[in-house]
PDB file of all heavy atoms in Angstrom:
ATOM      1  N   LEU A   1       8.581 -12.971  13.625  1.00  0.00           N
ATOM      2  CA  LEU A   1       7.978 -13.474  12.459  1.00  0.00           C
ATOM      3  C   LEU A   1       8.684 -14.770  12.079  1.00  0.00           C
ATOM      4  O   LEU A   1       9.860 -14.981  12.305  1.00  0.00           O
ATOM      5  CB  LEU A   1       8.100 -12.402  11.373  1.00  0.00           C
ATOM      6  CG  LEU A   1       7.234 -11.152  11.636  1.00  0.00           C
ATOM      7  CD1 LEU A   1       7.567 -10.267  10.391  1.00  0.00           C
ATOM      8  CD2 LEU A   1       5.828 -11.404  11.731  1.00  0.00           C
ATOM      9  N   LYS A   2       7.756 -15.618  11.538  1.00  0.00           N
ATOM     10  CA  LYS A   2       8.385 -16.827  10.958  1.00  0.00           C
ATOM     11  C   LYS A   2       9.266 -16.528   9.798  1.00  0.00           C
ATOM     12  O   LYS A   2       9.212 -15.719   8.887  1.00  0.00           O
ATOM     13  CB  LYS A   2       7.259 -17.712  10.365  1.00  0.00           C
ATOM     14  CG  LYS A   2       7.769 -19.096   9.918  1.00  0.00           C
ATOM     15  CD  LYS A   2       6.463 -19.970   9.323  1.00  0.00           C
ATOM     16  CE  LYS A   2       7.018 -21.284   8.806  1.00  0.00           C
ATOM     17  NZ  LYS A   2       5.857 -22.046   8.290  1.00  0.00           N
ATOM     18  N   LYS A   3      10.486 -17.217   9.919  1.00  0.00           N
ATOM     19  CA  LYS A   3      11.575 -16.953   8.750  1.00  0.00           C
ATOM     20  C   LYS A   3      11.092 -17.323   7.431  1.00  0.00           C
ATOM     21  O   LYS A   3      10.482 -18.366   7.142  1.00  0.00           O
ATOM     22  CB  LYS A   3      12.734 -17.639   9.101  1.00  0.00           C
ATOM     23  CG  LYS A   3      13.937 -17.446   8.196  1.00  0.00           C
ATOM     24  CD  LYS A   3      15.252 -18.245   8.556  1.00  0.00           C
ATOM     25  CE  LYS A   3      16.397 -17.889   7.723  1.00  0.00           C
ATOM     26  NZ  LYS A   3      17.546 -18.660   8.065  1.00  0.00           N
ATOM     27  N   LEU A   4      11.204 -16.308   6.424  1.00  0.00           N
ATOM     28  CA  LEU A   4      10.694 -16.567   5.127  1.00  0.00           C
ATOM     29  C   LEU A   4      11.748 -17.362   4.418  1.00  0.00           C
ATOM     30  O   LEU A   4      12.774 -17.391   4.554  1.00  0.00           O
ATOM     31  CB  LEU A   4      10.551 -15.190   4.395  1.00  0.00           C
ATOM     32  CG  LEU A   4       9.515 -14.250   4.924  1.00  0.00           C
ATOM     33  CD1 LEU A   4       9.511 -12.992   3.974  1.00  0.00           C
ATOM     34  CD2 LEU A   4       8.084 -14.910   4.843  1.00  0.00           C
ATOM     35  N   SER A   5      11.127 -18.260   3.535  1.00  0.00           N
ATOM     36  CA  SER A   5      12.000 -19.145   2.643  1.00  0.00           C
ATOM     37  C   SER A   5      12.660 -18.327   1.649  1.00  0.00           C
ATOM     38  O   SER A   5      12.370 -17.071   1.457  1.00  0.00           O
ATOM     39  CB  SER A   5      11.132 -20.224   1.963  1.00  0.00           C
ATOM     40  OG  SER A   5      10.261 -19.592   1.055  1.00  0.00           O
ATOM     41  N   ARG A   6      13.585 -18.871   1.039  1.00  0.00           N
ATOM     42  CA  ARG A   6      14.440 -18.229  -0.059  1.00  0.00           C
ATOM     43  C   ARG A   6      13.438 -17.808  -1.185  1.00  0.00           C
ATOM     44  O   ARG A   6      13.559 -16.804  -1.708  1.00  0.00           O
ATOM     45  CB  ARG A   6      15.590 -19.024  -0.493  1.00  0.00           C
ATOM     46  CG  ARG A   6      16.298 -18.394  -1.593  1.00  0.00           C
ATOM     47  CD  ARG A   6      17.600 -19.284  -1.956  1.00  0.00           C
ATOM     48  NE  ARG A   6      18.331 -18.566  -3.018  1.00  0.00           N
ATOM     49  CZ  ARG A   6      19.455 -19.190  -3.585  1.00  0.00           C
ATOM     50  NH1 ARG A   6      19.990 -20.179  -2.988  1.00  0.00           N
ATOM     51  NH2 ARG A   6      20.102 -18.591  -4.617  1.00  0.00           N
ATOM     52  N   ALA A   7      12.492 -18.759  -1.442  1.00  0.00           N
ATOM     53  CA  ALA A   7      11.627 -18.489  -2.565  1.00  0.00           C
ATOM     54  C   ALA A   7      10.769 -17.300  -2.328  1.00  0.00           C
ATOM     55  O   ALA A   7      10.514 -16.496  -3.144  1.00  0.00           O
ATOM     56  CB  ALA A   7      10.791 -19.753  -2.769  1.00  0.00           C
ATOM     57  N   ALA A   8      10.317 -17.282  -0.949  1.00  0.00           N
ATOM     58  CA  ALA A   8       9.431 -16.135  -0.577  1.00  0.00           C
ATOM     59  C   ALA A   8      10.110 -14.921  -0.765  1.00  0.00           C
ATOM     60  O   ALA A   8       9.597 -13.783  -1.114  1.00  0.00           O
ATOM     61  CB  ALA A   8       8.900 -16.309   0.745  1.00  0.00           C
ATOM     62  N   LEU A   9      11.411 -14.872  -0.321  1.00  0.00           N
ATOM     63  CA  LEU A   9      12.291 -13.637  -0.289  1.00  0.00           C
ATOM     64  C   LEU A   9      12.504 -13.186  -1.750  1.00  0.00           C
ATOM     65  O   LEU A   9      12.468 -11.986  -2.116  1.00  0.00           O
ATOM     66  CB  LEU A   9      13.574 -13.901   0.353  1.00  0.00           C
ATOM     67  CG  LEU A   9      13.464 -13.920   1.934  1.00  0.00           C
ATOM     68  CD1 LEU A   9      14.759 -14.267   2.390  1.00  0.00           C
ATOM     69  CD2 LEU A   9      13.004 -12.751   2.494  1.00  0.00           C
ATOM     70  N   GLU A  10      12.754 -14.183  -2.657  1.00  0.00           N
ATOM     71  CA  GLU A  10      12.891 -13.831  -4.019  1.00  0.00           C
ATOM     72  C   GLU A  10      11.643 -13.206  -4.755  1.00  0.00           C
ATOM     73  O   GLU A  10      11.706 -12.289  -5.389  1.00  0.00           O
ATOM     74  CB  GLU A  10      13.281 -15.153  -4.831  1.00  0.00           C
ATOM     75  CG  GLU A  10      14.654 -15.585  -4.556  1.00  0.00           C
ATOM     76  CD  GLU A  10      14.935 -16.894  -5.244  1.00  0.00           C
ATOM     77  OE1 GLU A  10      14.040 -17.426  -5.994  1.00  0.00           O
ATOM     78  OE2 GLU A  10      16.115 -17.447  -5.208  1.00  0.00           O
ATOM     79  N   VAL A  11      10.505 -13.812  -4.347  1.00  0.00           N
ATOM     80  CA  VAL A  11       9.291 -13.335  -4.906  1.00  0.00           C
ATOM     81  C   VAL A  11       8.967 -11.882  -4.319  1.00  0.00           C
ATOM     82  O   VAL A  11       8.536 -10.991  -5.139  1.00  0.00           O
ATOM     83  CB  VAL A  11       8.095 -14.259  -4.467  1.00  0.00           C
ATOM     84  CG1 VAL A  11       6.798 -13.751  -4.832  1.00  0.00           C
ATOM     85  CG2 VAL A  11       8.176 -15.644  -5.291  1.00  0.00           C
ATOM     86  N   LEU A  12       9.157 -11.637  -2.993  1.00  0.00           N
ATOM     87  CA  LEU A  12       8.996 -10.359  -2.454  1.00  0.00           C
ATOM     88  C   LEU A  12       9.929  -9.300  -3.005  1.00  0.00           C
ATOM     89  O   LEU A  12       9.380  -8.183  -3.388  1.00  0.00           O
ATOM     90  CB  LEU A  12       9.369 -10.358  -0.964  1.00  0.00           C
ATOM     91  CG  LEU A  12       9.185  -9.134  -0.208  1.00  0.00           C
ATOM     92  CD1 LEU A  12       7.712  -8.655  -0.246  1.00  0.00           C
ATOM     93  CD2 LEU A  12       9.545  -9.261   1.282  1.00  0.00           C
ATOM     94  N   ALA A  13      11.135  -9.711  -3.424  1.00  0.00           N
ATOM     95  CA  ALA A  13      12.064  -8.687  -4.020  1.00  0.00           C
ATOM     96  C   ALA A  13      11.543  -8.407  -5.433  1.00  0.00           C
ATOM     97  O   ALA A  13      11.695  -7.238  -5.835  1.00  0.00           O
ATOM     98  CB  ALA A  13      13.479  -9.258  -4.031  1.00  0.00           C
ATOM     99  N   ILE A  14      11.093  -9.388  -6.260  1.00  0.00           N
ATOM    100  CA  ILE A  14      10.704  -9.158  -7.588  1.00  0.00           C
ATOM    101  C   ILE A  14       9.396  -8.278  -7.555  1.00  0.00           C
ATOM    102  O   ILE A  14       9.273  -7.275  -8.306  1.00  0.00           O
ATOM    103  CB  ILE A  14      10.351 -10.499  -8.191  1.00  0.00           C
ATOM    104  CG1 ILE A  14      11.675 -11.312  -8.479  1.00  0.00           C
ATOM    105  CG2 ILE A  14       9.657 -10.300  -9.602  1.00  0.00           C
ATOM    106  CD1 ILE A  14      11.467 -12.783  -8.995  1.00  0.00           C
ATOM    107  N   ILE A  15       8.498  -8.652  -6.634  1.00  0.00           N
ATOM    108  CA  ILE A  15       7.193  -7.782  -6.610  1.00  0.00           C
ATOM    109  C   ILE A  15       7.658  -6.242  -6.144  1.00  0.00           C
ATOM    110  O   ILE A  15       7.075  -5.351  -6.718  1.00  0.00           O
ATOM    111  CB  ILE A  15       6.226  -8.273  -5.489  1.00  0.00           C
ATOM    112  CG1 ILE A  15       5.759  -9.723  -6.034  1.00  0.00           C
ATOM    113  CG2 ILE A  15       5.186  -7.411  -5.200  1.00  0.00           C
ATOM    114  CD1 ILE A  15       4.783 -10.346  -5.062  1.00  0.00           C
ATOM    115  N   ALA A  16       8.563  -6.170  -5.325  1.00  0.00           N
ATOM    116  CA  ALA A  16       8.838  -4.696  -4.827  1.00  0.00           C
ATOM    117  C   ALA A  16       9.444  -3.958  -5.872  1.00  0.00           C
ATOM    118  O   ALA A  16       9.173  -2.669  -6.173  1.00  0.00           O
ATOM    119  CB  ALA A  16       9.866  -4.900  -3.611  1.00  0.00           C
ATOM    120  N   TYR A  17      10.437  -4.556  -6.698  1.00  0.00           N
ATOM    121  CA  TYR A  17      11.006  -3.854  -7.717  1.00  0.00           C
ATOM    122  C   TYR A  17      10.343  -3.777  -8.999  1.00  0.00           C
ATOM    123  O   TYR A  17      10.537  -2.797  -9.856  1.00  0.00           O
ATOM    124  CB  TYR A  17      12.542  -4.433  -8.074  1.00  0.00           C
ATOM    125  CG  TYR A  17      13.540  -4.042  -7.050  1.00  0.00           C
ATOM    126  CD1 TYR A  17      13.773  -4.966  -5.930  1.00  0.00           C
ATOM    127  CD2 TYR A  17      14.172  -2.856  -6.992  1.00  0.00           C
ATOM    128  CE1 TYR A  17      14.751  -4.514  -4.877  1.00  0.00           C
ATOM    129  CE2 TYR A  17      15.067  -2.478  -6.084  1.00  0.00           C
ATOM    130  CZ  TYR A  17      15.380  -3.373  -5.034  1.00  0.00           C
ATOM    131  OH  TYR A  17      16.388  -2.953  -4.178  1.00  0.00           O
ATOM    132  N   HIS A  18       9.457  -4.727  -9.327  1.00  0.00           N
ATOM    133  CA  HIS A  18       8.809  -4.735 -10.664  1.00  0.00           C
ATOM    134  C   HIS A  18       7.345  -4.515 -10.617  1.00  0.00           C
ATOM    135  O   HIS A  18       6.711  -4.578 -11.614  1.00  0.00           O
ATOM    136  CB  HIS A  18       9.039  -6.139 -11.209  1.00  0.00           C
ATOM    137  CG  HIS A  18      10.306  -6.521 -11.709  1.00  0.00           C
ATOM    138  ND1 HIS A  18      10.834  -6.403 -12.914  1.00  0.00           N
ATOM    139  CD2 HIS A  18      11.352  -7.040 -10.902  1.00  0.00           C
ATOM    140  CE1 HIS A  18      12.076  -6.742 -12.956  1.00  0.00           C
ATOM    141  NE2 HIS A  18      12.350  -7.142 -11.748  1.00  0.00           N
ATOM    142  N   GLN A  19       6.813  -4.071  -9.380  1.00  0.00           N
ATOM    143  CA  GLN A  19       5.480  -3.848  -9.296  1.00  0.00           C
ATOM    144  C   GLN A  19       4.834  -2.644 -10.207  1.00  0.00           C
ATOM    145  O   GLN A  19       5.540  -1.733 -10.426  1.00  0.00           O
ATOM    146  CB  GLN A  19       4.986  -3.531  -7.839  1.00  0.00           C
ATOM    147  CG  GLN A  19       5.677  -2.270  -7.260  1.00  0.00           C
ATOM    148  CD  GLN A  19       5.446  -2.167  -5.802  1.00  0.00           C
ATOM    149  OE1 GLN A  19       4.264  -2.103  -5.316  1.00  0.00           O
ATOM    150  NE2 GLN A  19       6.406  -2.154  -4.857  1.00  0.00           N
ATOM    151  N   PRO A  20       3.596  -2.831 -10.710  1.00  0.00           N
ATOM    152  CA  PRO A  20       2.715  -4.027 -10.591  1.00  0.00           C
ATOM    153  C   PRO A  20       3.181  -5.179 -11.516  1.00  0.00           C
ATOM    154  O   PRO A  20       3.631  -5.030 -12.631  1.00  0.00           O
ATOM    155  CB  PRO A  20       1.394  -3.393 -11.070  1.00  0.00           C
ATOM    156  CG  PRO A  20       1.866  -2.376 -12.069  1.00  0.00           C
ATOM    157  CD  PRO A  20       3.040  -1.757 -11.558  1.00  0.00           C
ATOM    158  N   VAL A  21       3.127  -6.379 -10.967  1.00  0.00           N
ATOM    159  CA  VAL A  21       3.588  -7.556 -11.692  1.00  0.00           C
ATOM    160  C   VAL A  21       2.575  -8.704 -11.523  1.00  0.00           C
ATOM    161  O   VAL A  21       1.897  -8.860 -10.474  1.00  0.00           O
ATOM    162  CB  VAL A  21       4.951  -7.934 -11.072  1.00  0.00           C
ATOM    163  CG1 VAL A  21       4.779  -8.346  -9.652  1.00  0.00           C
ATOM    164  CG2 VAL A  21       5.563  -9.058 -11.853  1.00  0.00           C
ATOM    165  N   THR A  22       2.374  -9.528 -12.488  1.00  0.00           N
ATOM    166  CA  THR A  22       1.520 -10.693 -12.469  1.00  0.00           C
ATOM    167  C   THR A  22       2.343 -12.000 -12.057  1.00  0.00           C
ATOM    168  O   THR A  22       3.510 -11.864 -12.092  1.00  0.00           O
ATOM    169  CB  THR A  22       0.856 -10.964 -13.846  1.00  0.00           C
ATOM    170  OG1 THR A  22       1.873 -11.316 -14.726  1.00  0.00           O
ATOM    171  CG2 THR A  22       0.171  -9.701 -14.347  1.00  0.00           C
ATOM    172  N   ARG A  23       1.600 -12.991 -11.800  1.00  0.00           N
ATOM    173  CA  ARG A  23       2.273 -14.279 -11.397  1.00  0.00           C
ATOM    174  C   ARG A  23       3.028 -14.851 -12.490  1.00  0.00           C
ATOM    175  O   ARG A  23       4.234 -15.283 -12.288  1.00  0.00           O
ATOM    176  CB  ARG A  23       1.227 -15.313 -10.904  1.00  0.00           C
ATOM    177  CG  ARG A  23       1.749 -16.645 -10.462  1.00  0.00           C
ATOM    178  CD  ARG A  23       0.700 -17.508  -9.871  1.00  0.00           C
ATOM    179  NE  ARG A  23       1.099 -18.752  -9.431  1.00  0.00           N
ATOM    180  CZ  ARG A  23       0.465 -19.619  -8.917  1.00  0.00           C
ATOM    181  NH1 ARG A  23      -0.742 -19.400  -8.548  1.00  0.00           N
ATOM    182  NH2 ARG A  23       0.854 -20.858  -8.561  1.00  0.00           N
ATOM    183  N   ALA A  24       2.603 -14.731 -13.836  1.00  0.00           N
ATOM    184  CA  ALA A  24       3.269 -15.238 -14.851  1.00  0.00           C
ATOM    185  C   ALA A  24       4.571 -14.316 -15.137  1.00  0.00           C
ATOM    186  O   ALA A  24       5.629 -14.992 -15.457  1.00  0.00           O
ATOM    187  CB  ALA A  24       2.425 -15.080 -16.064  1.00  0.00           C
ATOM    188  N   GLU A  25       4.484 -13.098 -14.888  1.00  0.00           N
ATOM    189  CA  GLU A  25       5.803 -12.249 -14.926  1.00  0.00           C
ATOM    190  C   GLU A  25       6.698 -12.655 -13.969  1.00  0.00           C
ATOM    191  O   GLU A  25       7.976 -12.474 -14.157  1.00  0.00           O
ATOM    192  CB  GLU A  25       5.340 -10.862 -14.999  1.00  0.00           C
ATOM    193  CG  GLU A  25       4.530 -10.304 -16.121  1.00  0.00           C
ATOM    194  CD  GLU A  25       3.849  -8.906 -15.925  1.00  0.00           C
ATOM    195  OE1 GLU A  25       3.749  -8.476 -14.746  1.00  0.00           O
ATOM    196  OE2 GLU A  25       3.439  -8.438 -16.954  1.00  0.00           O
ATOM    197  N   LEU A  26       6.240 -12.908 -12.647  1.00  0.00           N
ATOM    198  CA  LEU A  26       7.082 -13.312 -11.569  1.00  0.00           C
ATOM    199  C   LEU A  26       7.830 -14.637 -12.011  1.00  0.00           C
ATOM    200  O   LEU A  26       9.125 -14.650 -11.779  1.00  0.00           O
ATOM    201  CB  LEU A  26       6.236 -13.722 -10.244  1.00  0.00           C
ATOM    202  CG  LEU A  26       5.830 -12.583  -9.389  1.00  0.00           C
ATOM    203  CD1 LEU A  26       4.856 -13.054  -8.326  1.00  0.00           C
ATOM    204  CD2 LEU A  26       7.082 -12.118  -8.713  1.00  0.00           C
ATOM    205  N   GLU A  27       7.187 -15.591 -12.551  1.00  0.00           N
ATOM    206  CA  GLU A  27       7.737 -16.796 -12.845  1.00  0.00           C
ATOM    207  C   GLU A  27       8.706 -16.689 -14.089  1.00  0.00           C
ATOM    208  O   GLU A  27       9.764 -17.273 -14.168  1.00  0.00           O
ATOM    209  CB  GLU A  27       6.783 -17.812 -13.287  1.00  0.00           C
ATOM    210  CG  GLU A  27       5.798 -18.200 -12.118  1.00  0.00           C
ATOM    211  CD  GLU A  27       4.598 -19.138 -12.419  1.00  0.00           C
ATOM    212  OE1 GLU A  27       4.294 -19.173 -13.623  1.00  0.00           O
ATOM    213  OE2 GLU A  27       4.003 -19.615 -11.470  1.00  0.00           O
ATOM    214  N   ASP A  28       8.378 -15.757 -14.961  1.00  0.00           N
ATOM    215  CA  ASP A  28       9.355 -15.468 -16.196  1.00  0.00           C
ATOM    216  C   ASP A  28      10.653 -14.930 -15.595  1.00  0.00           C
ATOM    217  O   ASP A  28      11.689 -15.246 -16.094  1.00  0.00           O
ATOM    218  CB  ASP A  28       8.675 -14.419 -17.007  1.00  0.00           C
ATOM    219  CG  ASP A  28       9.454 -14.252 -18.296  1.00  0.00           C
ATOM    220  OD1 ASP A  28       9.880 -15.241 -18.861  1.00  0.00           O
ATOM    221  OD2 ASP A  28       9.855 -13.014 -18.587  1.00  0.00           O
ATOM    222  N   ILE A  29      10.614 -14.014 -14.527  1.00  0.00           N
ATOM    223  CA  ILE A  29      11.807 -13.434 -14.037  1.00  0.00           C
ATOM    224  C   ILE A  29      12.557 -14.295 -13.296  1.00  0.00           C
ATOM    225  O   ILE A  29      13.844 -14.477 -13.322  1.00  0.00           O
ATOM    226  CB  ILE A  29      11.483 -12.187 -13.186  1.00  0.00           C
ATOM    227  CG1 ILE A  29      10.726 -11.045 -14.010  1.00  0.00           C
ATOM    228  CG2 ILE A  29      12.634 -11.603 -12.399  1.00  0.00           C
ATOM    229  CD1 ILE A  29      10.153  -9.929 -13.294  1.00  0.00           C
ATOM    230  N   ARG A  30      11.933 -15.165 -12.355  1.00  0.00           N
ATOM    231  CA  ARG A  30      12.574 -16.177 -11.645  1.00  0.00           C
ATOM    232  C   ARG A  30      13.035 -17.347 -12.328  1.00  0.00           C
ATOM    233  O   ARG A  30      14.106 -18.038 -12.049  1.00  0.00           O
ATOM    234  CB  ARG A  30      11.620 -16.684 -10.434  1.00  0.00           C
ATOM    235  CG  ARG A  30      11.304 -15.677  -9.375  1.00  0.00           C
ATOM    236  CD  ARG A  30      10.657 -16.392  -8.262  1.00  0.00           C
ATOM    237  NE  ARG A  30      11.527 -17.271  -7.547  1.00  0.00           N
ATOM    238  CZ  ARG A  30      10.974 -18.518  -7.085  1.00  0.00           C
ATOM    239  NH1 ARG A  30       9.652 -18.736  -7.190  1.00  0.00           N
ATOM    240  NH2 ARG A  30      11.871 -19.218  -6.414  1.00  0.00           N
ATOM    241  N   GLY A  31      12.373 -17.717 -13.471  1.00  0.00           N
ATOM    242  CA  GLY A  31      12.763 -18.894 -14.178  1.00  0.00           C
ATOM    243  C   GLY A  31      12.289 -20.178 -13.633  1.00  0.00           C
ATOM    244  O   GLY A  31      12.564 -21.174 -14.226  1.00  0.00           O
ATOM    245  N   VAL A  32      11.377 -20.083 -12.644  1.00  0.00           N
ATOM    246  CA  VAL A  32      10.759 -21.298 -12.038  1.00  0.00           C
ATOM    247  C   VAL A  32       9.342 -21.003 -11.767  1.00  0.00           C
ATOM    248  O   VAL A  32       8.939 -19.761 -11.645  1.00  0.00           O
ATOM    249  CB  VAL A  32      11.525 -21.806 -10.810  1.00  0.00           C
ATOM    250  CG1 VAL A  32      12.964 -22.314 -11.178  1.00  0.00           C
ATOM    251  CG2 VAL A  32      11.610 -20.635  -9.777  1.00  0.00           C
ATOM    252  N   GLU A  33       8.485 -21.880 -11.541  1.00  0.00           N
ATOM    253  CA  GLU A  33       7.139 -21.835 -11.229  1.00  0.00           C
ATOM    254  C   GLU A  33       7.050 -21.300  -9.700  1.00  0.00           C
ATOM    255  O   GLU A  33       7.843 -21.736  -8.890  1.00  0.00           O
ATOM    256  CB  GLU A  33       6.372 -23.184 -11.334  1.00  0.00           C
ATOM    257  CG  GLU A  33       4.905 -23.038 -11.031  1.00  0.00           C
ATOM    258  CD  GLU A  33       4.201 -24.390 -11.217  1.00  0.00           C
ATOM    259  OE1 GLU A  33       4.758 -25.259 -11.781  1.00  0.00           O
ATOM    260  OE2 GLU A  33       3.014 -24.474 -10.831  1.00  0.00           O
ATOM    261  N   THR A  34       6.138 -20.409  -9.398  1.00  0.00           N
ATOM    262  CA  THR A  34       5.857 -19.840  -8.225  1.00  0.00           C
ATOM    263  C   THR A  34       4.688 -20.578  -7.563  1.00  0.00           C
ATOM    264  O   THR A  34       3.575 -20.343  -8.152  1.00  0.00           O
ATOM    265  CB  THR A  34       5.719 -18.339  -8.141  1.00  0.00           C
ATOM    266  OG1 THR A  34       6.928 -17.809  -8.747  1.00  0.00           O
ATOM    267  CG2 THR A  34       5.535 -17.838  -6.846  1.00  0.00           C
ATOM    268  N   SER A  35       4.820 -21.117  -6.425  1.00  0.00           N
ATOM    269  CA  SER A  35       3.653 -21.784  -5.899  1.00  0.00           C
ATOM    270  C   SER A  35       2.679 -20.865  -5.186  1.00  0.00           C
ATOM    271  O   SER A  35       3.147 -19.741  -4.737  1.00  0.00           O
ATOM    272  CB  SER A  35       4.025 -22.804  -4.743  1.00  0.00           C
ATOM    273  OG  SER A  35       4.658 -22.038  -3.527  1.00  0.00           O
ATOM    274  N   LYS A  36       1.388 -21.221  -5.180  1.00  0.00           N
ATOM    275  CA  LYS A  36       0.416 -20.317  -4.352  1.00  0.00           C
ATOM    276  C   LYS A  36       0.817 -20.090  -2.936  1.00  0.00           C
ATOM    277  O   LYS A  36       0.528 -19.051  -2.437  1.00  0.00           O
ATOM    278  CB  LYS A  36      -0.973 -20.905  -4.704  1.00  0.00           C
ATOM    279  CG  LYS A  36      -2.033 -20.032  -4.160  1.00  0.00           C
ATOM    280  CD  LYS A  36      -3.414 -20.680  -4.283  1.00  0.00           C
ATOM    281  CE  LYS A  36      -4.538 -19.759  -3.862  1.00  0.00           C
ATOM    282  NZ  LYS A  36      -4.564 -19.513  -2.371  1.00  0.00           N
ATOM    283  N   GLY A  37       1.331 -21.217  -2.402  1.00  0.00           N
ATOM    284  CA  GLY A  37       1.627 -21.138  -0.938  1.00  0.00           C
ATOM    285  C   GLY A  37       2.634 -20.002  -0.719  1.00  0.00           C
ATOM    286  O   GLY A  37       2.544 -19.340   0.357  1.00  0.00           O
TER     287      GLY A  37
END
């Protein structure tokens, strides 16, 4: 598999532990905007 970026790993971890979670909640936890990509 293509190596995931650090941002993707962070988002994956947040979704895994905080699910169900919205994009706004993701960004609030990370403290930065999460791209659609």
